[in-house]
Amino acid sequence: MDGLALGDESRTSPFWYTGGVNRSGAPALGAGVTASALCVDTVCTGPVAAALGGVDGLTLPAGLLVSAAAYALLMCRIRVTG
């Protein structure tokens, strides 16, 4: 990864995307938050945590993995169609 290119905020940057925003990020984050909410067992209990008897150890891994997978899929879709 080119650190200088990551810091480039101009329109010619390879990371400019659409108006300086990568539109795949927000839906991927939303998917990860949803996955985490289904696995949480703190104040509220999600259905996955309830089905596993109150296990809360899946909250962080589920959110990270779902977010990463959704982002990768959305970025592949953009590269194929765009």
PDB file of N, CA and C in Angstrom:
ATOM      1  N   MET A   1       0.855  -1.172   0.000  1.00  0.00           N
ATOM      2  CA  MET A   1       0.000   0.000   0.000  1.00  0.00           C
ATOM      3  C   MET A   1       0.898   1.232   0.000  1.00  0.00           C
ATOM      4  N   ASP A   2       0.541   2.212  -0.753  1.00  0.00           N
ATOM      5  CA  ASP A   2       1.294   3.451  -0.875  1.00  0.00           C
ATOM      6  C   ASP A   2       0.763   4.476   0.129  1.00  0.00           C
ATOM      7  N   GLY A   3       1.536   4.726   1.181  1.00  0.00           N
ATOM      8  CA  GLY A   3       1.114   5.651   2.228  1.00  0.00           C
ATOM      9  C   GLY A   3       0.871   7.059   1.718  1.00  0.00           C
ATOM     10  N   LEU A   4       1.666   7.507   0.775  1.00  0.00           N
ATOM     11  CA  LEU A   4       1.473   8.847   0.221  1.00  0.00           C
ATOM     12  C   LEU A   4       0.158   8.942  -0.548  1.00  0.00           C
ATOM     13  N   ALA A   5      -0.178   7.895  -1.264  1.00  0.00           N
ATOM     14  CA  ALA A   5      -1.440   7.895  -2.013  1.00  0.00           C
ATOM     15  C   ALA A   5      -2.645   7.894  -1.067  1.00  0.00           C
ATOM     16  N   LEU A   6      -2.512   7.237   0.088  1.00  0.00           N
ATOM     17  CA  LEU A   6      -3.603   7.236   1.062  1.00  0.00           C
ATOM     18  C   LEU A   6      -3.858   8.625   1.625  1.00  0.00           C
ATOM     19  N   GLY A   7      -2.805   9.428   1.737  1.00  0.00           N
ATOM     20  CA  GLY A   7      -2.940  10.788   2.256  1.00  0.00           C
ATOM     21  C   GLY A   7      -3.337  11.807   1.207  1.00  0.00           C
ATOM     22  N   ASP A   8      -3.368  11.407  -0.053  1.00  0.00           N
ATOM     23  CA  ASP A   8      -3.724  12.320  -1.146  1.00  0.00           C
ATOM     24  C   ASP A   8      -5.230  12.555  -1.154  1.00  0.00           C
ATOM     25  N   GLU A   9      -5.653  13.786  -0.890  1.00  0.00           N
ATOM     26  CA  GLU A   9      -7.080  14.119  -0.841  1.00  0.00           C
ATOM     27  C   GLU A   9      -7.569  14.830  -2.100  1.00  0.00           C
ATOM     28  N   SER A  10      -6.778  14.777  -3.160  1.00  0.00           N
ATOM     29  CA  SER A  10      -7.177  15.439  -4.401  1.00  0.00           C
ATOM     30  C   SER A  10      -8.085  14.533  -5.231  1.00  0.00           C
ATOM     31  N   ARG A  11      -8.726  15.123  -6.220  1.00  0.00           N
ATOM     32  CA  ARG A  11      -9.622  14.364  -7.091  1.00  0.00           C
ATOM     33  C   ARG A  11      -8.890  13.329  -7.944  1.00  0.00           C
ATOM     34  N   THR A  12      -7.589  13.456  -8.073  1.00  0.00           N
ATOM     35  CA  THR A  12      -6.818  12.505  -8.870  1.00  0.00           C
ATOM     36  C   THR A  12      -6.336  11.311  -8.058  1.00  0.00           C
ATOM     37  N   SER A  13      -6.636  11.270  -6.774  1.00  0.00           N
ATOM     38  CA  SER A  13      -6.220  10.175  -5.908  1.00  0.00           C
ATOM     39  C   SER A  13      -6.905   8.879  -6.331  1.00  0.00           C
ATOM     40  N   PRO A  14      -6.195   7.736  -6.239  1.00  0.00           N
ATOM     41  CA  PRO A  14      -6.837   6.465  -6.563  1.00  0.00           C
ATOM     42  C   PRO A  14      -7.905   6.066  -5.544  1.00  0.00           C
ATOM     43  N   PHE A  15      -7.969   6.774  -4.416  1.00  0.00           N
ATOM     44  CA  PHE A  15      -8.937   6.467  -3.373  1.00  0.00           C
ATOM     45  C   PHE A  15     -10.031   7.531  -3.287  1.00  0.00           C
ATOM     46  N   TRP A  16     -10.224   8.316  -4.346  1.00  0.00           N
ATOM     47  CA  TRP A  16     -11.213   9.390  -4.329  1.00  0.00           C
ATOM     48  C   TRP A  16     -12.642   8.840  -4.413  1.00  0.00           C
ATOM     49  N   TYR A  17     -12.868   7.812  -5.180  1.00  0.00           N
ATOM     50  CA  TYR A  17     -14.171   7.174  -5.388  1.00  0.00           C
ATOM     51  C   TYR A  17     -15.198   8.185  -5.870  1.00  0.00           C
ATOM     52  N   THR A  18     -16.315   8.380  -5.181  1.00  0.00           N
ATOM     53  CA  THR A  18     -17.378   9.282  -5.615  1.00  0.00           C
ATOM     54  C   THR A  18     -17.409  10.488  -4.699  1.00  0.00           C
ATOM     55  N   GLY A  19     -16.875  11.600  -5.151  1.00  0.00           N
ATOM     56  CA  GLY A  19     -16.852  12.805  -4.330  1.00  0.00           C
ATOM     57  C   GLY A  19     -16.032  12.656  -3.070  1.00  0.00           C
ATOM     58  N   GLY A  20     -15.062  11.781  -3.065  1.00  0.00           N
ATOM     59  CA  GLY A  20     -14.222  11.565  -1.896  1.00  0.00           C
ATOM     60  C   GLY A  20     -14.799  10.560  -0.913  1.00  0.00           C
ATOM     61  N   VAL A  21     -15.890   9.911  -1.274  1.00  0.00           N
ATOM     62  CA  VAL A  21     -16.547   8.955  -0.377  1.00  0.00           C
ATOM     63  C   VAL A  21     -16.657   7.602  -1.072  1.00  0.00           C
ATOM     64  N   ASN A  22     -16.271   6.557  -0.377  1.00  0.00           N
ATOM     65  CA  ASN A  22     -16.456   5.200  -0.882  1.00  0.00           C
ATOM     66  C   ASN A  22     -17.811   4.719  -0.400  1.00  0.00           C
ATOM     67  N   ARG A  23     -18.752   4.600  -1.291  1.00  0.00           N
ATOM     68  CA  ARG A  23     -20.136   4.279  -0.924  1.00  0.00           C
ATOM     69  C   ARG A  23     -20.341   2.827  -0.504  1.00  0.00           C
ATOM     70  N   SER A  24     -19.330   2.023  -0.534  1.00  0.00           N
ATOM     71  CA  SER A  24     -19.439   0.647  -0.048  1.00  0.00           C
ATOM     72  C   SER A  24     -19.248   0.569   1.463  1.00  0.00           C
ATOM     73  N   GLY A  25     -18.666   1.586   2.051  1.00  0.00           N
ATOM     74  CA  GLY A  25     -18.342   1.555   3.477  1.00  0.00           C
ATOM     75  C   GLY A  25     -19.551   1.582   4.391  1.00  0.00           C
ATOM     76  N   ALA A  26     -20.502   2.457   4.132  1.00  0.00           N
ATOM     77  CA  ALA A  26     -21.663   2.593   5.022  1.00  0.00           C
ATOM     78  C   ALA A  26     -22.538   1.332   5.040  1.00  0.00           C
ATOM     79  N   PRO A  27     -22.890   0.755   3.896  1.00  0.00           N
ATOM     80  CA  PRO A  27     -23.682  -0.483   3.962  1.00  0.00           C
ATOM     81  C   PRO A  27     -22.921  -1.634   4.631  1.00  0.00           C
ATOM     82  N   ALA A  28     -21.610  -1.711   4.407  1.00  0.00           N
ATOM     83  CA  ALA A  28     -20.821  -2.764   5.046  1.00  0.00           C
ATOM     84  C   ALA A  28     -20.806  -2.574   6.558  1.00  0.00           C
ATOM     85  N   LEU A  29     -20.663  -1.341   7.009  1.00  0.00           N
ATOM     86  CA  LEU A  29     -20.690  -1.059   8.440  1.00  0.00           C
ATOM     87  C   LEU A  29     -22.062  -1.384   9.024  1.00  0.00           C
ATOM     88  N   GLY A  30     -23.107  -1.024   8.313  1.00  0.00           N
ATOM     89  CA  GLY A  30     -24.463  -1.340   8.769  1.00  0.00           C
ATOM     90  C   GLY A  30     -24.697  -2.837   8.905  1.00  0.00           C
ATOM     91  N   ALA A  31     -24.180  -3.605   7.962  1.00  0.00           N
ATOM     92  CA  ALA A  31     -24.315  -5.064   8.029  1.00  0.00           C
ATOM     93  C   ALA A  31     -23.570  -5.619   9.239  1.00  0.00           C
ATOM     94  N   GLY A  32     -22.397  -5.072   9.517  1.00  0.00           N
ATOM     95  CA  GLY A  32     -21.634  -5.517  10.678  1.00  0.00           C
ATOM     96  C   GLY A  32     -22.314  -5.169  11.992  1.00  0.00           C
ATOM     97  N   VAL A  33     -22.889  -3.982  12.069  1.00  0.00           N
ATOM     98  CA  VAL A  33     -23.615  -3.575  13.273  1.00  0.00           C
ATOM     99  C   VAL A  33     -24.827  -4.472  13.485  1.00  0.00           C
ATOM    100  N   THR A  34     -25.524  -4.798  12.413  1.00  0.00           N
ATOM    101  CA  THR A  34     -26.689  -5.686  12.508  1.00  0.00           C
ATOM    102  C   THR A  34     -26.271  -7.072  12.993  1.00  0.00           C
ATOM    103  N   ALA A  35     -25.187  -7.594  12.445  1.00  0.00           N
ATOM    104  CA  ALA A  35     -24.707  -8.911  12.872  1.00  0.00           C
ATOM    105  C   ALA A  35     -24.312  -8.888  14.345  1.00  0.00           C
ATOM    106  N   SER A  36     -23.655  -7.824  14.773  1.00  0.00           N
ATOM    107  CA  SER A  36     -23.270  -7.706  16.183  1.00  0.00           C
ATOM    108  C   SER A  36     -24.498  -7.618  17.078  1.00  0.00           C
ATOM    109  N   ALA A  37     -25.504  -6.868  16.650  1.00  0.00           N
ATOM    110  CA  ALA A  37     -26.720  -6.712  17.450  1.00  0.00           C
ATOM    111  C   ALA A  37     -27.447  -8.037  17.621  1.00  0.00           C
ATOM    112  N   LEU A  38     -27.367  -8.911  16.630  1.00  0.00           N
ATOM    113  CA  LEU A  38     -28.017 -10.218  16.737  1.00  0.00           C
ATOM    114  C   LEU A  38     -27.307 -11.137  17.725  1.00  0.00           C
ATOM    115  N   CYS A  39     -26.028 -10.860  17.982  1.00  0.00           N
ATOM    116  CA  CYS A  39     -25.223 -11.728  18.845  1.00  0.00           C
ATOM    117  C   CYS A  39     -24.986 -11.158  20.238  1.00  0.00           C
ATOM    118  N   VAL A  40     -25.443  -9.957  20.503  1.00  0.00           N
ATOM    119  CA  VAL A  40     -25.121  -9.291  21.769  1.00  0.00           C
ATOM    120  C   VAL A  40     -25.938  -9.869  22.930  1.00  0.00           C
ATOM    121  N   ASP A  41     -25.343  -9.870  24.109  1.00  0.00           N
ATOM    122  CA  ASP A  41     -26.040 -10.303  25.324  1.00  0.00           C
ATOM    123  C   ASP A  41     -25.588  -9.425  26.485  1.00  0.00           C
ATOM    124  N   THR A  42     -26.037  -8.179  26.483  1.00  0.00           N
ATOM    125  CA  THR A  42     -25.734  -7.264  27.587  1.00  0.00           C
ATOM    126  C   THR A  42     -27.045  -6.752  28.153  1.00  0.00           C
ATOM    127  N   VAL A  43     -27.439  -5.539  27.821  1.00  0.00           N
ATOM    128  CA  VAL A  43     -28.719  -4.997  28.265  1.00  0.00           C
ATOM    129  C   VAL A  43     -29.856  -5.702  27.530  1.00  0.00           C
ATOM    130  N   CYS A  44     -29.687  -5.868  26.241  1.00  0.00           N
ATOM    131  CA  CYS A  44     -30.649  -6.608  25.413  1.00  0.00           C
ATOM    132  C   CYS A  44     -29.983  -7.904  24.967  1.00  0.00           C
ATOM    133  N   THR A  45     -30.789  -8.876  24.642  1.00  0.00           N
ATOM    134  CA  THR A  45     -30.241 -10.149  24.167  1.00  0.00           C
ATOM    135  C   THR A  45     -30.713 -10.394  22.749  1.00  0.00           C
ATOM    136  N   GLY A  46     -29.745 -10.552  21.845  1.00  0.00           N
ATOM    137  CA  GLY A  46     -30.062 -10.836  20.456  1.00  0.00           C
ATOM    138  C   GLY A  46     -30.490 -12.280  20.284  1.00  0.00           C
ATOM    139  N   PRO A  47     -31.136 -12.602  19.175  1.00  0.00           N
ATOM    140  CA  PRO A  47     -31.631 -13.964  18.961  1.00  0.00           C
ATOM    141  C   PRO A  47     -30.527 -15.022  18.868  1.00  0.00           C
ATOM    142  N   VAL A  48     -29.383 -14.665  18.323  1.00  0.00           N
ATOM    143  CA  VAL A  48     -28.285 -15.635  18.238  1.00  0.00           C
ATOM    144  C   VAL A  48     -27.744 -15.922  19.630  1.00  0.00           C
ATOM    145  N   ALA A  49     -27.552 -14.873  20.433  1.00  0.00           N
ATOM    146  CA  ALA A  49     -27.074 -15.061  21.800  1.00  0.00           C
ATOM    147  C   ALA A  49     -28.080 -15.852  22.624  1.00  0.00           C
ATOM    148  N   ALA A  50     -29.363 -15.584  22.439  1.00  0.00           N
ATOM    149  CA  ALA A  50     -30.395 -16.320  23.169  1.00  0.00           C
ATOM    150  C   ALA A  50     -30.400 -17.790  22.780  1.00  0.00           C
ATOM    151  N   ALA A  51     -30.230 -18.075  21.494  1.00  0.00           N
ATOM    152  CA  ALA A  51     -30.222 -19.459  21.023  1.00  0.00           C
ATOM    153  C   ALA A  51     -29.022 -20.232  21.548  1.00  0.00           C
ATOM    154  N   LEU A  52     -27.927 -19.511  21.813  1.00  0.00           N
ATOM    155  CA  LEU A  52     -26.707 -20.154  22.317  1.00  0.00           C
ATOM    156  C   LEU A  52     -26.613 -20.097  23.842  1.00  0.00           C
ATOM    157  N   GLY A  53     -27.693 -19.752  24.498  1.00  0.00           N
ATOM    158  CA  GLY A  53     -27.697 -19.756  25.958  1.00  0.00           C
ATOM    159  C   GLY A  53     -27.015 -18.551  26.578  1.00  0.00           C
ATOM    160  N   GLY A  54     -27.060 -17.413  25.925  1.00  0.00           N
ATOM    161  CA  GLY A  54     -26.485 -16.194  26.491  1.00  0.00           C
ATOM    162  C   GLY A  54     -25.010 -15.986  26.205  1.00  0.00           C
ATOM    163  N   VAL A  55     -24.486 -16.658  25.206  1.00  0.00           N
ATOM    164  CA  VAL A  55     -23.075 -16.484  24.841  1.00  0.00           C
ATOM    165  C   VAL A  55     -22.898 -15.135  24.161  1.00  0.00           C
ATOM    166  N   ASP A  56     -21.986 -14.308  24.691  1.00  0.00           N
ATOM    167  CA  ASP A  56     -21.754 -12.977  24.129  1.00  0.00           C
ATOM    168  C   ASP A  56     -20.420 -12.901  23.384  1.00  0.00           C
ATOM    169  N   GLY A  57     -19.722 -13.999  23.274  1.00  0.00           N
ATOM    170  CA  GLY A  57     -18.402 -13.999  22.656  1.00  0.00           C
ATOM    171  C   GLY A  57     -18.401 -13.866  21.147  1.00  0.00           C
ATOM    172  N   LEU A  58     -19.564 -13.909  20.523  1.00  0.00           N
ATOM    173  CA  LEU A  58     -19.622 -13.818  19.065  1.00  0.00           C
ATOM    174  C   LEU A  58     -19.845 -12.395  18.564  1.00  0.00           C
ATOM    175  N   THR A  59     -20.121 -11.452  19.456  1.00  0.00           N
ATOM    176  CA  THR A  59     -20.490 -10.104  19.041  1.00  0.00           C
ATOM    177  C   THR A  59     -19.401  -9.444  18.200  1.00  0.00           C
ATOM    178  N   LEU A  60     -18.200  -9.370  18.713  1.00  0.00           N
ATOM    179  CA  LEU A  60     -17.107  -8.716  17.996  1.00  0.00           C
ATOM    180  C   LEU A  60     -16.703  -9.470  16.734  1.00  0.00           C
ATOM    181  N   PRO A  61     -16.439 -10.784  16.815  1.00  0.00           N
ATOM    182  CA  PRO A  61     -16.061 -11.485  15.581  1.00  0.00           C
ATOM    183  C   PRO A  61     -17.132 -11.436  14.493  1.00  0.00           C
ATOM    184  N   ALA A  62     -18.397 -11.556  14.885  1.00  0.00           N
ATOM    185  CA  ALA A  62     -19.474 -11.520  13.889  1.00  0.00           C
ATOM    186  C   ALA A  62     -19.515 -10.170  13.192  1.00  0.00           C
ATOM    187  N   GLY A  63     -19.417  -9.096  13.958  1.00  0.00           N
ATOM    188  CA  GLY A  63     -19.438  -7.758  13.364  1.00  0.00           C
ATOM    189  C   GLY A  63     -18.267  -7.520  12.430  1.00  0.00           C
ATOM    190  N   LEU A  64     -17.082  -7.925  12.865  1.00  0.00           N
ATOM    191  CA  LEU A  64     -15.889  -7.733  12.029  1.00  0.00           C
ATOM    192  C   LEU A  64     -15.949  -8.560  10.747  1.00  0.00           C
ATOM    193  N   LEU A  65     -16.310  -9.818  10.881  1.00  0.00           N
ATOM    194  CA  LEU A  65     -16.329 -10.692   9.704  1.00  0.00           C
ATOM    195  C   LEU A  65     -17.414 -10.301   8.708  1.00  0.00           C
ATOM    196  N   VAL A  66     -18.594  -9.980   9.212  1.00  0.00           N
ATOM    197  CA  VAL A  66     -19.683  -9.595   8.307  1.00  0.00           C
ATOM    198  C   VAL A  66     -19.353  -8.270   7.620  1.00  0.00           C
ATOM    199  N   SER A  67     -18.814  -7.312   8.361  1.00  0.00           N
ATOM    200  CA  SER A  67     -18.430  -6.025   7.751  1.00  0.00           C
ATOM    201  C   SER A  67     -17.371  -6.217   6.671  1.00  0.00           C
ATOM    202  N   ALA A  68     -16.361  -7.013   6.980  1.00  0.00           N
ATOM    203  CA  ALA A  68     -15.283  -7.241   6.011  1.00  0.00           C
ATOM    204  C   ALA A  68     -15.797  -7.955   4.768  1.00  0.00           C
ATOM    205  N   ALA A  69     -16.631  -8.976   4.963  1.00  0.00           N
ATOM    206  CA  ALA A  69     -17.165  -9.717   3.820  1.00  0.00           C
ATOM    207  C   ALA A  69     -18.081  -8.833   2.970  1.00  0.00           C
ATOM    208  N   ALA A  70     -18.934  -8.054   3.620  1.00  0.00           N
ATOM    209  CA  ALA A  70     -19.838  -7.171   2.875  1.00  0.00           C
ATOM    210  C   ALA A  70     -19.050  -6.127   2.098  1.00  0.00           C
ATOM    211  N   TYR A  71     -18.025  -5.566   2.711  1.00  0.00           N
ATOM    212  CA  TYR A  71     -17.203  -4.564   2.032  1.00  0.00           C
ATOM    213  C   TYR A  71     -16.497  -5.175   0.827  1.00  0.00           C
ATOM    214  N   ALA A  72     -15.930  -6.351   1.014  1.00  0.00           N
ATOM    215  CA  ALA A  72     -15.236  -7.015  -0.099  1.00  0.00           C
ATOM    216  C   ALA A  72     -16.196  -7.316  -1.243  1.00  0.00           C
ATOM    217  N   LEU A  73     -17.380  -7.816  -0.922  1.00  0.00           N
ATOM    218  CA  LEU A  73     -18.363  -8.115  -1.973  1.00  0.00           C
ATOM    219  C   LEU A  73     -18.824  -6.852  -2.693  1.00  0.00           C
ATOM    220  N   LEU A  74     -19.068  -5.795  -1.941  1.00  0.00           N
ATOM    221  CA  LEU A  74     -19.513  -4.548  -2.566  1.00  0.00           C
ATOM    222  C   LEU A  74     -18.409  -3.938  -3.434  1.00  0.00           C
ATOM    223  N   MET A  75     -17.174  -4.041  -2.989  1.00  0.00           N
ATOM    224  CA  MET A  75     -16.068  -3.498  -3.786  1.00  0.00           C
ATOM    225  C   MET A  75     -15.846  -4.319  -5.044  1.00  0.00           C
ATOM    226  N   CYS A  76     -16.014  -5.638  -4.965  1.00  0.00           N
ATOM    227  CA  CYS A  76     -15.889  -6.481  -6.169  1.00  0.00           C
ATOM    228  C   CYS A  76     -16.997  -6.152  -7.153  1.00  0.00           C
ATOM    229  N   ARG A  77     -18.196  -5.935  -6.656  1.00  0.00           N
ATOM    230  CA  ARG A  77     -19.323  -5.598  -7.522  1.00  0.00           C
ATOM    231  C   ARG A  77     -19.064  -4.277  -8.243  1.00  0.00           C
ATOM    232  N   ILE A  78     -18.508  -3.313  -7.541  1.00  0.00           N
ATOM    233  CA  ILE A  78     -18.215  -2.016  -8.149  1.00  0.00           C
ATOM    234  C   ILE A  78     -17.153  -2.160  -9.225  1.00  0.00           C
ATOM    235  N   ARG A  79     -16.127  -2.942  -8.969  1.00  0.00           N
ATOM    236  CA  ARG A  79     -15.055  -3.113  -9.952  1.00  0.00           C
ATOM    237  C   ARG A  79     -15.543  -3.852 -11.191  1.00  0.00           C
ATOM    238  N   VAL A  80     -16.453  -4.812 -10.993  1.00  0.00           N
ATOM    239  CA  VAL A  80     -16.954  -5.594 -12.134  1.00  0.00           C
ATOM    240  C   VAL A  80     -17.912  -4.748 -12.965  1.00  0.00           C
ATOM    241  N   THR A  81     -18.838  -4.027 -12.305  1.00  0.00           N
ATOM    242  CA  THR A  81     -19.834  -3.253 -13.043  1.00  0.00           C
ATOM    243  C   THR A  81     -19.352  -1.853 -13.412  1.00  0.00           C
ATOM    244  N   GLY A  82     -18.367  -1.324 -12.671  1.00  0.00           N
ATOM    245  CA  GLY A  82     -17.930   0.054 -12.908  1.00  0.00           C
ATOM    246  C   GLY A  82     -16.782   0.074 -13.782  1.00  0.00           C
TER     247      GLY A  82
END
